[in-house]
Amino acid sequence: MALIKNRMDATAWQKKFDARAPRVGDAAPDFELHDANGENPVRISDFKGEKPIALIFGSFT
């Protein structure tokens, strides 16, 4: 397995192995997330036409 070290290598890998993956400039696919308590669902499409948003995933424990 090769280590991808830069954006150019990542883009080449993406073109070769994952033709369905989003490309630079594509709209994000719509999906729904809930808050940390499993409540308050929010769809990314709720923000269409608004300022850009950033999604941060990780473990905060």
Protein backbone atom coordinates (compact mmCIF):
# COMPACT_ATOMS: atom_id res chain seq x y z
CA MET A 1 0.00 0.00 0.00
CA ALA A 2 1.43 3.37 -1.02
CA LEU A 3 1.51 6.39 1.25
CA ILE A 4 -0.14 9.47 -0.24
CA LYS A 5 2.08 12.43 0.62
CA ASN A 6 0.59 15.35 -1.28
CA ARG A 7 -2.49 16.65 -3.02
CA MET A 8 -1.25 15.70 -6.51
CA ASP A 9 -0.78 12.05 -5.45
CA ALA A 10 -4.17 12.09 -3.73
CA THR A 11 -5.88 13.44 -6.83
CA ALA A 12 -4.17 10.84 -9.04
CA TRP A 13 -5.26 8.06 -6.66
CA GLN A 14 -8.80 9.43 -6.62
CA LYS A 15 -9.05 9.53 -10.43
CA LYS A 16 -7.77 5.98 -10.69
CA PHE A 17 -9.66 4.29 -7.84
CA ASP A 18 -12.71 6.33 -6.88
CA ALA A 19 -14.47 7.93 -9.82
CA ARG A 20 -17.57 8.57 -7.68
CA ALA A 21 -15.74 10.72 -5.11
CA PRO A 22 -16.48 14.45 -5.07
CA ARG A 23 -14.13 16.70 -6.99
CA VAL A 24 -12.83 20.14 -6.09
CA GLY A 25 -15.69 22.59 -6.62
CA ASP A 26 -18.47 19.97 -6.36
CA ALA A 27 -21.33 20.59 -4.00
CA ALA A 28 -21.20 18.52 -0.84
CA PRO A 29 -23.57 15.56 -0.80
CA ASP A 30 -26.58 16.12 1.43
CA PHE A 31 -26.57 14.28 4.76
CA GLU A 32 -27.95 14.62 8.26
CA LEU A 33 -26.11 14.75 11.58
CA HIS A 34 -27.29 15.01 15.18
CA ASP A 35 -25.71 16.84 18.10
CA ALA A 36 -23.60 15.07 20.74
CA ASN A 37 -26.77 14.05 22.62
CA GLY A 38 -28.27 12.40 19.55
CA GLU A 39 -30.86 15.16 19.26
CA ASN A 40 -31.39 18.18 17.03
CA PRO A 41 -30.91 16.78 13.52
CA VAL A 42 -29.39 19.16 10.97
CA ARG A 43 -29.09 18.57 7.24
CA ILE A 44 -26.24 20.15 5.32
CA SER A 45 -28.81 21.34 2.76
CA ASP A 46 -30.26 23.57 5.52
CA PHE A 47 -27.23 25.80 4.94
CA LYS A 48 -27.46 26.04 1.13
CA GLY A 49 -26.91 29.62 0.04
CA GLU A 50 -25.37 30.59 3.39
CA LYS A 51 -21.72 31.21 4.23
CA PRO A 52 -19.39 28.22 3.93
CA ILE A 53 -19.37 25.78 6.83
CA ALA A 54 -16.68 23.50 8.21
CA LEU A 55 -17.35 20.02 9.55
CA ILE A 56 -14.96 18.72 12.16
CA PHE A 57 -14.96 15.04 13.05
CA GLY A 58 -13.03 13.47 15.86
CA SER A 59 -13.02 12.15 19.37
CA PHE A 60 -13.20 14.82 22.02
CA THR A 61 -13.09 12.58 25.07
